Structure formats: C-alpha cells, structure tokens
Amino acid sequence: MRVKICGITNSEDAQDAVALGADALGFVFAKSSRRVTKERAKDIIEHLPPFVSPVGVFVDEAVEAIKGICNFCSIHTVQLHGNEDPLCVYDLKGYTIVKAFRIREEGDLEPLANYKPHAFLLDSYVKGVMGGTGVPFKWEIARQAHKYGTVILSGGLTPENVREAIHIVQPYAVDVSSGVESSPGKKDKVLMKRFIMNAKFRDD
C-alpha cells in the first residue's frame, strides 16, 4: 500500500515521513493552514531522496500558475483539489494528475465519469473546506469508484482506522494530513509511524 503524507510545511516533517516509509509528500499551494510558499517547498524537495514523489496540491488555480510553481519546485504530480473542469486535466498534459472529489453520497461519484486523470482522490465533504478536515465518509461509497479508475482514499484517516478503510475500499493509495498532526501543519512522528505501519503491514 502506498502512503502520501499531505500538508508538509517543513524539512523535519518531510525527512521523518520519508524515513518512516512515506511514498509521496503533499505540498499545499492553496489557502490553508498548511499552505507553503513555492520557495519553501523547493527547499524541502531538493533534499528528498530518490523515489519519493512530491505532489503539488492546488485549488482552482490557473493552469499557467500551476505549471510555473511545479517547474520551479521540480514537481511532476499535480493534485487538483477544487472544482476544476475536465479541460484543466487536459491542459496539464505531461504531468501526473490526481483529481480530488469530496464525497457525501453515491451520486457524488457520477462526475468522475467526465474526467481522465491518472487517479481519483476521494475526500470527505465539509461545507466551505476543501480538504484536511479530519472527517471520514462512508467508505462503501469509495469502493464503487473503482469503475472510474484508480482510487486514492483520503478524508478522516487515522492510525486507528486506516486498516479498516483499506480493507473496505482496496485503494491504490491512502492520503493523510490532519490524522498524523500534533497541530495544523506540524506532523507527529509517532502518529506517522503508526499510520504508515498500519497501512503497509496488514493482516488481510
């Protein structure tokens, strides 16, 4: 199971996450308590070892702005976490694209049919908040999303529930932010270790 630790804001958390086995690190460039500047992200990314994927997280950002930040930071994977239309995915051809959708009910999966990203990230719906809410949704709904493409599960995951979530959904990867934090933007090394161990080394 692949694990992405999202909302990285400093080098210490990045290095701890990598040492503990994280496969990808998310850098938020949208309005958020976990937002980083492109300069800070670039500095952190330059010190990452090989085979760890940095992911740029954007919310309704202009395509040219996304390209500019990604090129500056050497980011090749883009996570679109807003209300971007299918054309945005097409316009970012050349990047690995993860399109996020916030889920409340089964009908929220229907728009996935209009998109052709490399993977879909399914997050919880909380009014007025685009991500990092710490609130889970009904994982049985996420299981139905496999018919649309590759599924990455997010939304309210913690060290305590990630095994059950993976068992139910069988996603390609899991994505966590607030579930491994001591405060917004500051990761907890013990929580990250428990989350990654529970995600990667399961009995089922």
N, C-alpha and C. Protein backbone atom coordinates (compact mmCIF):
# COMPACT_ATOMS: atom_id res chain seq x y z
N MET A 1 0.84 -1.19 0.00
CA MET A 1 0.00 0.00 0.00
C MET A 1 0.88 1.25 0.00
N ARG A 2 0.57 2.16 -0.89
CA ARG A 2 1.32 3.41 -0.97
C ARG A 2 0.68 4.45 -0.05
N VAL A 3 1.54 5.28 0.55
CA VAL A 3 1.09 6.27 1.53
C VAL A 3 1.60 7.65 1.16
N LYS A 4 0.67 8.62 1.12
CA LYS A 4 1.04 10.02 0.92
C LYS A 4 0.76 10.78 2.21
N ILE A 5 1.77 11.48 2.69
CA ILE A 5 1.60 12.38 3.83
C ILE A 5 1.43 13.78 3.26
N CYS A 6 0.28 14.38 3.46
CA CYS A 6 -0.03 15.66 2.84
C CYS A 6 0.09 16.80 3.85
N GLY A 7 0.25 18.01 3.32
CA GLY A 7 0.34 19.18 4.18
C GLY A 7 1.71 19.33 4.83
N ILE A 8 2.77 18.94 4.10
CA ILE A 8 4.13 19.10 4.61
C ILE A 8 4.51 20.57 4.56
N THR A 9 5.02 21.08 5.68
CA THR A 9 5.38 22.50 5.75
C THR A 9 6.82 22.75 6.15
N ASN A 10 7.55 21.69 6.52
CA ASN A 10 8.93 21.89 6.98
C ASN A 10 9.78 20.66 6.68
N SER A 11 11.08 20.86 6.65
CA SER A 11 12.02 19.80 6.29
C SER A 11 12.04 18.66 7.30
N GLU A 12 11.91 18.98 8.57
CA GLU A 12 11.96 17.93 9.60
C GLU A 12 10.83 16.92 9.40
N ASP A 13 9.63 17.42 9.19
CA ASP A 13 8.50 16.51 8.97
C ASP A 13 8.69 15.71 7.69
N ALA A 14 9.21 16.35 6.65
CA ALA A 14 9.43 15.66 5.39
C ALA A 14 10.42 14.53 5.55
N GLN A 15 11.53 14.80 6.21
CA GLN A 15 12.55 13.77 6.40
C GLN A 15 12.05 12.64 7.30
N ASP A 16 11.28 12.98 8.33
CA ASP A 16 10.71 11.95 9.20
C ASP A 16 9.75 11.07 8.42
N ALA A 17 8.88 11.68 7.61
CA ALA A 17 7.91 10.92 6.83
C ALA A 17 8.60 9.95 5.89
N VAL A 18 9.64 10.43 5.22
CA VAL A 18 10.38 9.59 4.28
C VAL A 18 11.07 8.44 5.01
N ALA A 19 11.71 8.74 6.14
CA ALA A 19 12.41 7.71 6.91
C ALA A 19 11.45 6.63 7.41
N LEU A 20 10.21 7.01 7.65
CA LEU A 20 9.21 6.07 8.15
C LEU A 20 8.53 5.28 7.04
N GLY A 21 8.79 5.64 5.78
CA GLY A 21 8.27 4.85 4.67
C GLY A 21 7.23 5.51 3.79
N ALA A 22 7.03 6.83 3.91
CA ALA A 22 6.07 7.50 3.04
C ALA A 22 6.56 7.46 1.59
N ASP A 23 5.61 7.25 0.69
CA ASP A 23 5.94 7.18 -0.74
C ASP A 23 5.81 8.53 -1.43
N ALA A 24 4.97 9.41 -0.89
CA ALA A 24 4.73 10.71 -1.50
C ALA A 24 4.47 11.74 -0.41
N LEU A 25 4.83 12.99 -0.71
CA LEU A 25 4.61 14.10 0.21
C LEU A 25 3.82 15.17 -0.51
N GLY A 26 2.79 15.69 0.16
CA GLY A 26 1.94 16.70 -0.45
C GLY A 26 2.28 18.10 0.03
N PHE A 27 2.39 19.04 -0.92
CA PHE A 27 2.68 20.44 -0.62
C PHE A 27 1.50 21.28 -1.07
N VAL A 28 0.86 21.95 -0.12
CA VAL A 28 -0.37 22.69 -0.40
C VAL A 28 -0.04 24.12 -0.80
N PHE A 29 -0.46 24.50 -2.01
CA PHE A 29 -0.23 25.85 -2.52
C PHE A 29 -1.52 26.66 -2.56
N ALA A 30 -2.55 26.17 -1.90
CA ALA A 30 -3.83 26.86 -1.83
C ALA A 30 -4.04 27.42 -0.43
N LYS A 31 -5.06 28.24 -0.26
CA LYS A 31 -5.37 28.81 1.04
C LYS A 31 -5.63 27.70 2.05
N SER A 32 -4.81 27.66 3.09
CA SER A 32 -4.89 26.57 4.07
C SER A 32 -3.94 26.89 5.21
N SER A 33 -4.21 26.28 6.37
CA SER A 33 -3.28 26.40 7.49
C SER A 33 -1.99 25.65 7.20
N ARG A 34 -1.98 24.85 6.14
CA ARG A 34 -0.81 24.06 5.76
C ARG A 34 -0.16 24.60 4.48
N ARG A 35 -0.53 25.76 4.09
CA ARG A 35 0.00 26.34 2.85
C ARG A 35 1.50 26.61 2.98
N VAL A 36 2.23 26.34 1.88
CA VAL A 36 3.65 26.65 1.83
C VAL A 36 3.92 27.55 0.62
N THR A 37 4.98 28.32 0.71
CA THR A 37 5.41 29.10 -0.45
C THR A 37 6.15 28.17 -1.40
N LYS A 38 6.25 28.58 -2.64
CA LYS A 38 6.99 27.76 -3.60
C LYS A 38 8.47 27.69 -3.22
N GLU A 39 8.99 28.75 -2.60
CA GLU A 39 10.39 28.76 -2.18
C GLU A 39 10.64 27.74 -1.07
N ARG A 40 9.72 27.69 -0.10
CA ARG A 40 9.87 26.72 0.99
C ARG A 40 9.74 25.29 0.46
N ALA A 41 8.76 25.08 -0.41
CA ALA A 41 8.57 23.75 -0.98
C ALA A 41 9.80 23.31 -1.77
N LYS A 42 10.34 24.20 -2.56
CA LYS A 42 11.52 23.87 -3.37
C LYS A 42 12.68 23.44 -2.48
N ASP A 43 12.90 24.16 -1.40
CA ASP A 43 14.00 23.83 -0.49
C ASP A 43 13.81 22.45 0.13
N ILE A 44 12.58 22.14 0.52
CA ILE A 44 12.30 20.82 1.11
C ILE A 44 12.49 19.73 0.07
N ILE A 45 11.96 19.95 -1.12
CA ILE A 45 12.00 18.93 -2.18
C ILE A 45 13.43 18.65 -2.63
N GLU A 46 14.26 19.67 -2.66
CA GLU A 46 15.65 19.48 -3.09
C GLU A 46 16.42 18.52 -2.19
N HIS A 47 15.95 18.32 -0.98
CA HIS A 47 16.64 17.45 -0.04
C HIS A 47 15.96 16.09 0.13
N LEU A 48 14.97 15.80 -0.71
CA LEU A 48 14.33 14.49 -0.65
C LEU A 48 15.18 13.45 -1.37
N PRO A 49 15.16 12.21 -0.88
CA PRO A 49 15.91 11.15 -1.56
C PRO A 49 15.18 10.68 -2.81
N PRO A 50 15.83 9.85 -3.64
CA PRO A 50 15.17 9.33 -4.83
C PRO A 50 13.95 8.49 -4.49
N PHE A 51 13.02 8.40 -5.45
CA PHE A 51 11.85 7.53 -5.38
C PHE A 51 10.78 8.00 -4.40
N VAL A 52 10.91 9.22 -3.89
CA VAL A 52 9.84 9.84 -3.10
C VAL A 52 9.22 10.91 -3.97
N SER A 53 7.91 10.86 -4.15
CA SER A 53 7.24 11.76 -5.07
C SER A 53 6.66 12.98 -4.38
N PRO A 54 7.11 14.19 -4.73
CA PRO A 54 6.46 15.40 -4.22
C PRO A 54 5.20 15.69 -5.05
N VAL A 55 4.13 16.08 -4.38
CA VAL A 55 2.85 16.33 -5.03
C VAL A 55 2.42 17.77 -4.73
N GLY A 56 2.12 18.53 -5.77
CA GLY A 56 1.62 19.88 -5.59
C GLY A 56 0.11 19.87 -5.50
N VAL A 57 -0.44 20.45 -4.44
CA VAL A 57 -1.89 20.47 -4.21
C VAL A 57 -2.42 21.88 -4.51
N PHE A 58 -3.37 21.95 -5.45
CA PHE A 58 -3.90 23.23 -5.89
C PHE A 58 -5.43 23.22 -5.83
N VAL A 59 -6.00 24.40 -5.61
CA VAL A 59 -7.45 24.54 -5.57
C VAL A 59 -7.86 25.66 -6.53
N ASP A 60 -8.48 25.26 -7.64
CA ASP A 60 -9.00 26.22 -8.63
C ASP A 60 -7.95 27.25 -9.05
N GLU A 61 -6.75 26.79 -9.25
CA GLU A 61 -5.65 27.66 -9.67
C GLU A 61 -5.55 27.68 -11.18
N ALA A 62 -5.08 28.78 -11.74
CA ALA A 62 -4.88 28.88 -13.18
C ALA A 62 -3.82 27.89 -13.64
N VAL A 63 -4.03 27.32 -14.81
CA VAL A 63 -3.13 26.29 -15.32
C VAL A 63 -1.70 26.81 -15.42
N GLU A 64 -1.52 28.00 -15.94
CA GLU A 64 -0.17 28.53 -16.10
C GLU A 64 0.51 28.74 -14.75
N ALA A 65 -0.26 29.12 -13.75
CA ALA A 65 0.30 29.29 -12.41
C ALA A 65 0.73 27.94 -11.84
N ILE A 66 -0.07 26.92 -12.07
CA ILE A 66 0.28 25.57 -11.62
C ILE A 66 1.58 25.12 -12.27
N LYS A 67 1.67 25.31 -13.57
CA LYS A 67 2.88 24.92 -14.30
C LYS A 67 4.11 25.67 -13.78
N GLY A 68 3.92 26.97 -13.51
CA GLY A 68 5.04 27.76 -13.04
C GLY A 68 5.57 27.28 -11.70
N ILE A 69 4.66 27.01 -10.78
CA ILE A 69 5.07 26.54 -9.45
C ILE A 69 5.71 25.16 -9.54
N CYS A 70 5.10 24.28 -10.32
CA CYS A 70 5.62 22.91 -10.43
C CYS A 70 7.01 22.90 -11.07
N ASN A 71 7.19 23.69 -12.09
CA ASN A 71 8.50 23.75 -12.73
C ASN A 71 9.56 24.33 -11.79
N PHE A 72 9.18 25.34 -11.03
CA PHE A 72 10.09 25.96 -10.07
C PHE A 72 10.51 24.97 -8.99
N CYS A 73 9.57 24.14 -8.55
CA CYS A 73 9.81 23.23 -7.42
C CYS A 73 10.23 21.82 -7.86
N SER A 74 10.26 21.56 -9.16
CA SER A 74 10.54 20.20 -9.68
C SER A 74 9.47 19.21 -9.21
N ILE A 75 8.22 19.61 -9.35
CA ILE A 75 7.07 18.76 -9.01
C ILE A 75 6.46 18.24 -10.31
N HIS A 76 6.23 16.94 -10.37
CA HIS A 76 5.68 16.33 -11.58
C HIS A 76 4.28 15.74 -11.38
N THR A 77 3.83 15.71 -10.13
CA THR A 77 2.49 15.21 -9.83
C THR A 77 1.64 16.34 -9.27
N VAL A 78 0.49 16.56 -9.90
CA VAL A 78 -0.40 17.66 -9.53
C VAL A 78 -1.71 17.10 -8.99
N GLN A 79 -2.11 17.57 -7.81
CA GLN A 79 -3.39 17.20 -7.23
C GLN A 79 -4.33 18.39 -7.32
N LEU A 80 -5.41 18.22 -8.07
CA LEU A 80 -6.41 19.28 -8.25
C LEU A 80 -7.51 19.05 -7.24
N HIS A 81 -7.61 19.94 -6.26
CA HIS A 81 -8.49 19.68 -5.12
C HIS A 81 -9.68 20.63 -5.07
N GLY A 82 -9.95 21.31 -6.19
CA GLY A 82 -11.08 22.24 -6.21
C GLY A 82 -12.18 21.80 -7.14
N ASN A 83 -12.76 22.77 -7.85
CA ASN A 83 -13.85 22.49 -8.78
C ASN A 83 -13.38 22.56 -10.24
N GLU A 84 -12.14 22.17 -10.46
CA GLU A 84 -11.56 22.22 -11.80
C GLU A 84 -12.37 21.37 -12.78
N ASP A 85 -12.52 21.88 -14.01
CA ASP A 85 -13.27 21.13 -15.01
C ASP A 85 -12.35 20.16 -15.76
N PRO A 86 -12.92 19.25 -16.55
CA PRO A 86 -12.11 18.26 -17.26
C PRO A 86 -11.06 18.87 -18.17
N LEU A 87 -11.32 20.07 -18.69
CA LEU A 87 -10.35 20.70 -19.58
C LEU A 87 -9.05 21.02 -18.85
N CYS A 88 -9.14 21.31 -17.57
CA CYS A 88 -7.95 21.61 -16.77
C CYS A 88 -7.03 20.40 -16.74
N VAL A 89 -7.61 19.23 -16.61
CA VAL A 89 -6.81 18.00 -16.62
C VAL A 89 -6.09 17.86 -17.95
N TYR A 90 -6.81 18.13 -19.03
CA TYR A 90 -6.22 18.03 -20.36
C TYR A 90 -5.10 19.06 -20.54
N ASP A 91 -5.32 20.26 -20.06
CA ASP A 91 -4.34 21.33 -20.22
C ASP A 91 -3.05 21.08 -19.45
N LEU A 92 -3.11 20.18 -18.48
CA LEU A 92 -1.91 19.85 -17.69
C LEU A 92 -1.26 18.56 -18.19
N LYS A 93 -1.49 18.26 -19.45
CA LYS A 93 -0.89 17.09 -20.06
C LYS A 93 0.64 17.14 -19.90
N GLY A 94 1.22 16.03 -19.53
CA GLY A 94 2.65 15.99 -19.25
C GLY A 94 2.95 15.85 -17.77
N TYR A 95 1.95 16.19 -16.94
CA TYR A 95 2.05 15.98 -15.51
C TYR A 95 1.22 14.76 -15.12
N THR A 96 1.56 14.14 -14.02
CA THR A 96 0.71 13.10 -13.46
C THR A 96 -0.38 13.80 -12.65
N ILE A 97 -1.64 13.53 -13.00
CA ILE A 97 -2.75 14.27 -12.42
C ILE A 97 -3.59 13.41 -11.48
N VAL A 98 -3.81 13.94 -10.29
CA VAL A 98 -4.75 13.36 -9.33
C VAL A 98 -5.89 14.35 -9.16
N LYS A 99 -7.09 13.93 -9.48
CA LYS A 99 -8.26 14.83 -9.33
C LYS A 99 -9.04 14.42 -8.09
N ALA A 100 -9.21 15.37 -7.18
CA ALA A 100 -9.92 15.11 -5.93
C ALA A 100 -11.40 15.42 -6.05
N PHE A 101 -12.20 14.61 -5.37
CA PHE A 101 -13.64 14.84 -5.27
C PHE A 101 -14.05 14.67 -3.81
N ARG A 102 -14.92 15.57 -3.36
CA ARG A 102 -15.44 15.48 -1.99
C ARG A 102 -16.76 14.72 -2.02
N ILE A 103 -16.86 13.72 -1.17
CA ILE A 103 -17.96 12.75 -1.26
C ILE A 103 -18.89 12.84 -0.04
N ARG A 104 -20.19 12.90 -0.34
CA ARG A 104 -21.22 12.81 0.70
C ARG A 104 -22.09 11.58 0.48
N GLU A 105 -22.43 11.32 -0.79
CA GLU A 105 -23.35 10.24 -1.13
C GLU A 105 -22.94 9.63 -2.47
N GLU A 106 -23.60 8.54 -2.84
CA GLU A 106 -23.24 7.83 -4.05
C GLU A 106 -23.29 8.71 -5.29
N GLY A 107 -24.26 9.61 -5.37
CA GLY A 107 -24.39 10.48 -6.52
C GLY A 107 -23.19 11.37 -6.76
N ASP A 108 -22.38 11.60 -5.72
CA ASP A 108 -21.20 12.45 -5.87
C ASP A 108 -20.12 11.79 -6.71
N LEU A 109 -20.28 10.49 -6.98
CA LEU A 109 -19.31 9.78 -7.82
C LEU A 109 -19.56 10.00 -9.31
N GLU A 110 -20.77 10.39 -9.68
CA GLU A 110 -21.13 10.47 -11.10
C GLU A 110 -20.24 11.40 -11.92
N PRO A 111 -19.80 12.56 -11.39
CA PRO A 111 -18.94 13.44 -12.18
C PRO A 111 -17.59 12.81 -12.55
N LEU A 112 -17.18 11.77 -11.83
CA LEU A 112 -15.88 11.15 -12.13
C LEU A 112 -15.83 10.65 -13.58
N ALA A 113 -16.99 10.30 -14.12
CA ALA A 113 -17.04 9.77 -15.48
C ALA A 113 -16.58 10.78 -16.51
N ASN A 114 -16.58 12.06 -16.18
CA ASN A 114 -16.21 13.11 -17.13
C ASN A 114 -14.71 13.42 -17.15
N TYR A 115 -13.97 12.80 -16.25
CA TYR A 115 -12.55 13.12 -16.10
C TYR A 115 -11.66 11.93 -16.46
N LYS A 116 -10.45 12.24 -16.91
CA LYS A 116 -9.48 11.20 -17.25
C LYS A 116 -8.12 11.49 -16.61
N PRO A 117 -8.08 11.57 -15.28
CA PRO A 117 -6.80 11.79 -14.61
C PRO A 117 -6.07 10.45 -14.45
N HIS A 118 -4.89 10.50 -13.87
CA HIS A 118 -4.17 9.26 -13.58
C HIS A 118 -4.77 8.55 -12.36
N ALA A 119 -5.40 9.32 -11.48
CA ALA A 119 -6.06 8.74 -10.30
C ALA A 119 -7.08 9.72 -9.76
N PHE A 120 -8.08 9.17 -9.06
CA PHE A 120 -9.08 9.97 -8.35
C PHE A 120 -8.78 9.90 -6.85
N LEU A 121 -8.77 11.05 -6.20
CA LEU A 121 -8.65 11.08 -4.75
C LEU A 121 -10.02 11.40 -4.18
N LEU A 122 -10.50 10.54 -3.29
CA LEU A 122 -11.82 10.72 -2.69
C LEU A 122 -11.66 11.23 -1.27
N ASP A 123 -12.23 12.40 -1.02
CA ASP A 123 -12.11 13.07 0.27
C ASP A 123 -13.50 13.29 0.84
N SER A 124 -13.56 13.69 2.09
CA SER A 124 -14.85 13.96 2.74
C SER A 124 -15.36 15.34 2.35
N TYR A 125 -16.68 15.46 2.29
CA TYR A 125 -17.28 16.76 2.03
C TYR A 125 -17.57 17.46 3.36
N VAL A 126 -16.98 18.63 3.52
CA VAL A 126 -17.31 19.53 4.63
C VAL A 126 -17.51 20.90 4.01
N LYS A 127 -18.67 21.48 4.22
CA LYS A 127 -19.02 22.75 3.58
C LYS A 127 -17.97 23.82 3.85
N GLY A 128 -17.49 24.42 2.78
CA GLY A 128 -16.56 25.53 2.89
C GLY A 128 -15.11 25.14 3.12
N VAL A 129 -14.83 23.83 3.20
CA VAL A 129 -13.47 23.37 3.43
C VAL A 129 -13.09 22.38 2.34
N MET A 130 -11.96 22.62 1.68
CA MET A 130 -11.58 21.79 0.54
C MET A 130 -10.81 20.54 0.90
N GLY A 131 -10.26 20.46 2.11
CA GLY A 131 -9.50 19.27 2.48
C GLY A 131 -8.91 19.42 3.86
N GLY A 132 -8.30 18.33 4.36
CA GLY A 132 -7.66 18.36 5.66
C GLY A 132 -8.64 18.52 6.80
N THR A 133 -9.85 17.99 6.64
CA THR A 133 -10.89 18.20 7.65
C THR A 133 -10.80 17.22 8.81
N GLY A 134 -10.22 16.05 8.57
CA GLY A 134 -10.17 15.02 9.60
C GLY A 134 -11.48 14.27 9.76
N VAL A 135 -12.41 14.47 8.82
CA VAL A 135 -13.73 13.84 8.89
C VAL A 135 -13.83 12.72 7.86
N PRO A 136 -14.15 11.50 8.28
CA PRO A 136 -14.30 10.40 7.32
C PRO A 136 -15.66 10.43 6.64
N PHE A 137 -15.78 9.66 5.54
CA PHE A 137 -17.08 9.49 4.90
C PHE A 137 -17.34 7.99 4.76
N LYS A 138 -18.46 7.62 4.18
CA LYS A 138 -18.81 6.20 4.06
C LYS A 138 -17.90 5.52 3.05
N TRP A 139 -17.03 4.67 3.55
CA TRP A 139 -16.04 4.04 2.68
C TRP A 139 -16.66 3.10 1.66
N GLU A 140 -17.85 2.59 1.94
CA GLU A 140 -18.52 1.71 0.98
C GLU A 140 -18.78 2.44 -0.34
N ILE A 141 -18.98 3.77 -0.26
CA ILE A 141 -19.18 4.56 -1.47
C ILE A 141 -17.89 4.61 -2.27
N ALA A 142 -16.78 4.80 -1.59
CA ALA A 142 -15.49 4.88 -2.27
C ALA A 142 -15.18 3.59 -3.02
N ARG A 143 -15.61 2.49 -2.49
CA ARG A 143 -15.34 1.20 -3.14
C ARG A 143 -15.97 1.15 -4.54
N GLN A 144 -17.07 1.86 -4.72
CA GLN A 144 -17.75 1.86 -6.01
C GLN A 144 -17.02 2.70 -7.06
N ALA A 145 -16.06 3.50 -6.63
CA ALA A 145 -15.37 4.39 -7.55
C ALA A 145 -14.35 3.68 -8.42
N HIS A 146 -14.05 2.43 -8.13
CA HIS A 146 -13.05 1.70 -8.92
C HIS A 146 -13.44 1.60 -10.38
N LYS A 147 -14.72 1.64 -10.67
CA LYS A 147 -15.16 1.53 -12.06
C LYS A 147 -14.76 2.75 -12.89
N TYR A 148 -14.40 3.84 -12.23
CA TYR A 148 -14.00 5.05 -12.93
C TYR A 148 -12.48 5.16 -13.13
N GLY A 149 -11.73 4.41 -12.34
CA GLY A 149 -10.27 4.48 -12.45
C GLY A 149 -9.59 4.21 -11.13
N THR A 150 -8.32 4.57 -11.06
CA THR A 150 -7.50 4.33 -9.87
C THR A 150 -7.99 5.21 -8.71
N VAL A 151 -8.10 4.61 -7.53
CA VAL A 151 -8.66 5.30 -6.36
C VAL A 151 -7.60 5.52 -5.29
N ILE A 152 -7.50 6.75 -4.84
CA ILE A 152 -6.71 7.11 -3.66
C ILE A 152 -7.70 7.54 -2.59
N LEU A 153 -7.59 6.96 -1.42
CA LEU A 153 -8.55 7.24 -0.34
C LEU A 153 -7.99 8.27 0.63
N SER A 154 -8.81 9.27 0.95
CA SER A 154 -8.45 10.30 1.90
C SER A 154 -9.67 10.61 2.76
N GLY A 155 -9.54 11.59 3.63
CA GLY A 155 -10.69 12.02 4.41
C GLY A 155 -10.85 11.33 5.74
N GLY A 156 -10.31 11.92 6.79
CA GLY A 156 -10.52 11.40 8.14
C GLY A 156 -9.76 10.14 8.47
N LEU A 157 -8.73 9.82 7.71
CA LEU A 157 -7.95 8.62 8.02
C LEU A 157 -7.02 8.88 9.20
N THR A 158 -6.87 7.87 10.04
CA THR A 158 -6.02 7.94 11.22
C THR A 158 -5.28 6.62 11.38
N PRO A 159 -4.30 6.55 12.27
CA PRO A 159 -3.65 5.27 12.53
C PRO A 159 -4.64 4.20 13.00
N GLU A 160 -5.72 4.64 13.65
CA GLU A 160 -6.68 3.69 14.22
C GLU A 160 -7.63 3.12 13.17
N ASN A 161 -7.94 3.87 12.12
CA ASN A 161 -8.96 3.37 11.18
C ASN A 161 -8.44 3.03 9.79
N VAL A 162 -7.15 3.28 9.52
CA VAL A 162 -6.66 3.10 8.15
C VAL A 162 -6.71 1.64 7.70
N ARG A 163 -6.50 0.70 8.61
CA ARG A 163 -6.57 -0.71 8.21
C ARG A 163 -7.97 -1.08 7.73
N GLU A 164 -8.95 -0.67 8.50
CA GLU A 164 -10.34 -0.97 8.13
C GLU A 164 -10.70 -0.30 6.81
N ALA A 165 -10.27 0.95 6.65
CA ALA A 165 -10.57 1.67 5.41
C ALA A 165 -9.97 0.96 4.20
N ILE A 166 -8.74 0.53 4.32
CA ILE A 166 -8.09 -0.17 3.21
C ILE A 166 -8.78 -1.49 2.92
N HIS A 167 -9.17 -2.19 3.97
CA HIS A 167 -9.86 -3.48 3.80
C HIS A 167 -11.17 -3.30 3.03
N ILE A 168 -11.89 -2.23 3.33
CA ILE A 168 -13.18 -2.00 2.68
C ILE A 168 -13.01 -1.48 1.25
N VAL A 169 -12.14 -0.53 1.05
CA VAL A 169 -12.05 0.18 -0.23
C VAL A 169 -11.06 -0.46 -1.20
N GLN A 170 -9.99 -1.05 -0.67
CA GLN A 170 -8.92 -1.60 -1.51
C GLN A 170 -8.37 -0.54 -2.49
N PRO A 171 -7.94 0.60 -1.97
CA PRO A 171 -7.46 1.68 -2.84
C PRO A 171 -6.04 1.43 -3.33
N TYR A 172 -5.64 2.20 -4.30
CA TYR A 172 -4.25 2.17 -4.78
C TYR A 172 -3.32 2.77 -3.72
N ALA A 173 -3.81 3.81 -3.02
CA ALA A 173 -3.01 4.51 -2.02
C ALA A 173 -3.92 5.17 -1.01
N VAL A 174 -3.35 5.57 0.11
CA VAL A 174 -4.07 6.34 1.12
C VAL A 174 -3.34 7.66 1.33
N ASP A 175 -4.10 8.69 1.69
CA ASP A 175 -3.59 10.04 1.83
C ASP A 175 -4.04 10.59 3.18
N VAL A 176 -3.08 11.07 3.98
CA VAL A 176 -3.42 11.56 5.32
C VAL A 176 -2.75 12.90 5.56
N SER A 177 -3.44 13.75 6.32
CA SER A 177 -2.87 15.04 6.71
C SER A 177 -3.13 15.28 8.19
N SER A 178 -4.35 15.71 8.53
CA SER A 178 -4.63 16.04 9.93
C SER A 178 -4.56 14.82 10.85
N GLY A 179 -4.76 13.63 10.31
CA GLY A 179 -4.75 12.41 11.13
C GLY A 179 -3.39 12.05 11.71
N VAL A 180 -2.33 12.74 11.24
CA VAL A 180 -0.99 12.47 11.78
C VAL A 180 -0.32 13.77 12.26
N GLU A 181 -1.15 14.71 12.72
CA GLU A 181 -0.62 16.00 13.16
C GLU A 181 -0.78 16.23 14.65
N SER A 182 0.17 16.97 15.21
CA SER A 182 0.04 17.46 16.58
C SER A 182 -0.67 18.81 16.59
N SER A 183 -0.56 19.55 15.47
CA SER A 183 -1.28 20.80 15.24
C SER A 183 -1.28 21.04 13.74
N PRO A 184 -2.17 21.89 13.21
CA PRO A 184 -2.23 22.08 11.76
C PRO A 184 -0.87 22.47 11.16
N GLY A 185 -0.39 21.63 10.24
CA GLY A 185 0.88 21.91 9.59
C GLY A 185 2.10 21.33 10.28
N LYS A 186 1.92 20.73 11.46
CA LYS A 186 3.02 20.11 12.19
C LYS A 186 2.71 18.63 12.39
N LYS A 187 3.53 17.78 11.77
CA LYS A 187 3.29 16.35 11.85
C LYS A 187 3.83 15.77 13.16
N ASP A 188 3.21 14.69 13.58
CA ASP A 188 3.61 13.96 14.78
C ASP A 188 4.32 12.68 14.34
N LYS A 189 5.57 12.54 14.69
CA LYS A 189 6.38 11.41 14.21
C LYS A 189 5.80 10.07 14.65
N VAL A 190 5.31 10.00 15.87
CA VAL A 190 4.73 8.75 16.37
C VAL A 190 3.47 8.39 15.59
N LEU A 191 2.62 9.37 15.35
CA LEU A 191 1.39 9.11 14.59
C LEU A 191 1.71 8.71 13.16
N MET A 192 2.70 9.37 12.54
CA MET A 192 3.08 8.99 11.18
C MET A 192 3.59 7.56 11.14
N LYS A 193 4.39 7.19 12.11
CA LYS A 193 4.92 5.82 12.15
C LYS A 193 3.80 4.80 12.27
N ARG A 194 2.86 5.06 13.17
CA ARG A 194 1.75 4.12 13.36
C ARG A 194 0.88 4.05 12.12
N PHE A 195 0.63 5.20 11.49
CA PHE A 195 -0.21 5.22 10.30
C PHE A 195 0.43 4.42 9.17
N ILE A 196 1.69 4.68 8.91
CA ILE A 196 2.37 4.01 7.81
C ILE A 196 2.50 2.52 8.08
N MET A 197 2.82 2.15 9.29
CA MET A 197 2.90 0.71 9.63
C MET A 197 1.55 0.03 9.45
N ASN A 198 0.50 0.65 9.93
CA ASN A 198 -0.83 0.04 9.81
C ASN A 198 -1.32 -0.01 8.38
N ALA A 199 -0.89 0.94 7.55
CA ALA A 199 -1.31 0.95 6.16
C ALA A 199 -0.54 -0.08 5.33
N LYS A 200 0.74 -0.20 5.58
CA LYS A 200 1.60 -1.04 4.75
C LYS A 200 1.68 -2.49 5.22
N PHE A 201 1.53 -2.70 6.51
CA PHE A 201 1.72 -4.05 7.06
C PHE A 201 0.46 -4.48 7.77
N ARG A 202 -0.41 -5.15 6.99
CA ARG A 202 -1.73 -5.53 7.50
C ARG A 202 -1.86 -7.06 7.48
N ASP A 203 -2.84 -7.52 8.23
CA ASP A 203 -3.10 -8.97 8.31
C ASP A 203 -3.96 -9.47 7.15
N ASP A 204 -4.73 -8.55 6.49
CA ASP A 204 -5.63 -9.00 5.44
C ASP A 204 -4.94 -8.97 4.08
